[in-house]
């Protein structure tokens, strides 16, 4: 399965809204990193990832999210993740990355 990524800046709330659709894995992680890096390079802000249509996330995808977090943390910004499927949420819990990212239920 492929990955489609929708990224928009929410002017009212001052954050990037990222909607990954499909799978984030070893093959699609570079595309996710490139698109988000380009966006936050243009405008530094928090990132909200809406996982409603995210079907799969592997360890490479987690590594990509950590790399993006390191990039924006220098400016005291955070990554908020919402609408995760149960299997993906479990991955964050097992790896204890639910303590690194702000997971919103």
Protein backbone atom coordinates (compact mmCIF):
# COMPACT_ATOMS: atom_id res chain seq x y z
CA UNK A 1 0.00 0.00 0.00
CA UNK A 2 1.15 3.50 -0.69
CA UNK A 3 1.05 6.64 1.39
CA UNK A 4 -0.78 9.85 0.68
CA UNK A 5 0.09 12.82 2.87
CA UNK A 6 -2.04 15.90 3.29
CA UNK A 7 -0.34 18.83 5.05
CA UNK A 8 -2.04 22.13 5.76
CA UNK A 9 -1.21 25.02 8.05
CA UNK A 10 -3.97 25.99 10.48
CA UNK A 11 -3.59 29.78 10.71
CA UNK A 12 -6.15 30.12 13.51
CA UNK A 13 -4.40 27.68 15.85
CA UNK A 14 -0.84 28.07 14.50
CA UNK A 15 0.03 24.43 13.78
CA UNK A 16 0.69 22.10 10.87
CA UNK A 17 -2.04 19.51 10.37
CA UNK A 18 -0.63 16.32 8.87
CA UNK A 19 -2.96 13.58 7.63
CA UNK A 20 -1.11 10.43 6.56
CA UNK A 21 -3.38 8.13 4.56
CA UNK A 22 -2.20 4.54 4.20
CA UNK A 23 0.98 3.03 5.58
CA UNK A 24 4.12 4.58 7.04
CA UNK A 25 6.90 2.02 6.71
CA UNK A 26 10.45 1.61 5.48
CA UNK A 27 9.36 2.49 1.93
CA UNK A 28 7.16 5.52 2.67
CA UNK A 29 8.90 7.06 5.71
CA UNK A 30 11.34 9.14 3.62
CA UNK A 31 8.43 10.80 1.82
CA UNK A 32 6.75 11.65 5.13
CA UNK A 33 9.97 13.08 6.53
CA UNK A 34 10.64 15.15 3.40
CA UNK A 35 7.16 16.65 3.25
CA UNK A 36 7.01 17.54 6.95
CA UNK A 37 10.60 18.84 6.97
CA UNK A 38 9.82 21.10 4.02
CA UNK A 39 6.67 22.41 5.71
CA UNK A 40 8.28 23.19 9.08
CA UNK A 41 11.27 24.62 7.27
CA UNK A 42 8.94 27.22 5.80
CA UNK A 43 7.13 27.94 9.06
CA UNK A 44 8.13 26.74 12.53
CA UNK A 45 5.12 25.52 14.53
CA UNK A 46 3.64 22.57 16.38
CA UNK A 47 2.58 19.55 14.35
CA UNK A 48 -0.73 17.75 14.76
CA UNK A 49 -0.83 14.31 13.16
CA UNK A 50 -4.33 13.01 12.52
CA UNK A 51 -4.02 9.22 12.41
CA UNK A 52 -7.64 8.56 11.45
CA UNK A 53 -6.65 7.14 8.05
CA UNK A 54 -3.24 5.80 9.08
CA UNK A 55 -3.50 2.05 8.60
CA UNK A 56 0.00 0.91 9.54
CA UNK A 57 3.11 2.28 11.22
CA UNK A 58 6.36 0.34 11.66
CA UNK A 59 9.58 1.04 13.57
CA UNK A 60 10.98 3.03 10.64
CA UNK A 61 7.93 5.27 10.80
CA UNK A 62 8.42 5.72 14.54
CA UNK A 63 12.05 6.66 13.90
CA UNK A 64 10.94 9.22 11.33
CA UNK A 65 8.54 10.80 13.84
CA UNK A 66 11.32 10.96 16.44
CA UNK A 67 13.62 12.65 13.91
CA UNK A 68 10.94 15.23 13.10
CA UNK A 69 10.34 15.83 16.80
CA UNK A 70 14.05 16.48 17.35
CA UNK A 71 13.98 18.97 14.49
CA UNK A 72 11.09 21.03 15.90
CA UNK A 73 11.93 20.60 19.59
CA UNK A 74 14.78 23.10 19.20
CA UNK A 75 12.09 25.78 18.90
CA UNK A 76 10.04 24.37 21.81
CA UNK A 77 7.40 22.90 19.50
CA UNK A 78 5.65 19.57 20.00
CA UNK A 79 4.03 16.81 17.98
CA UNK A 80 0.45 16.01 18.90
CA UNK A 81 -1.01 12.73 17.64
CA UNK A 82 -4.73 12.05 17.57
CA UNK A 83 -7.25 9.53 16.23
CA UNK A 84 -4.91 6.53 16.31
CA UNK A 85 -6.19 3.04 15.61
CA UNK A 86 -5.84 0.65 18.55
CA UNK A 87 -3.01 -1.38 16.97
CA UNK A 88 -0.94 1.75 16.28
CA UNK A 89 -1.67 3.24 19.71
CA UNK A 90 -0.42 -0.02 21.25
CA UNK A 91 2.89 0.45 19.40
CA UNK A 92 3.35 3.85 21.08
CA UNK A 93 2.49 2.34 24.48
CA UNK A 94 4.86 -0.63 24.13
CA UNK A 95 7.77 1.57 23.03
CA UNK A 96 6.86 4.18 25.68
CA UNK A 97 6.79 6.84 22.97
CA UNK A 98 3.41 7.85 24.39
CA UNK A 99 5.56 9.72 26.93
CA UNK A 100 7.51 11.52 24.17
CA UNK A 101 4.64 12.56 21.93
CA UNK A 102 1.40 14.16 23.07
CA UNK A 103 -1.19 11.50 22.31
CA UNK A 104 -4.70 12.90 22.28
CA UNK A 105 -7.65 10.54 22.63
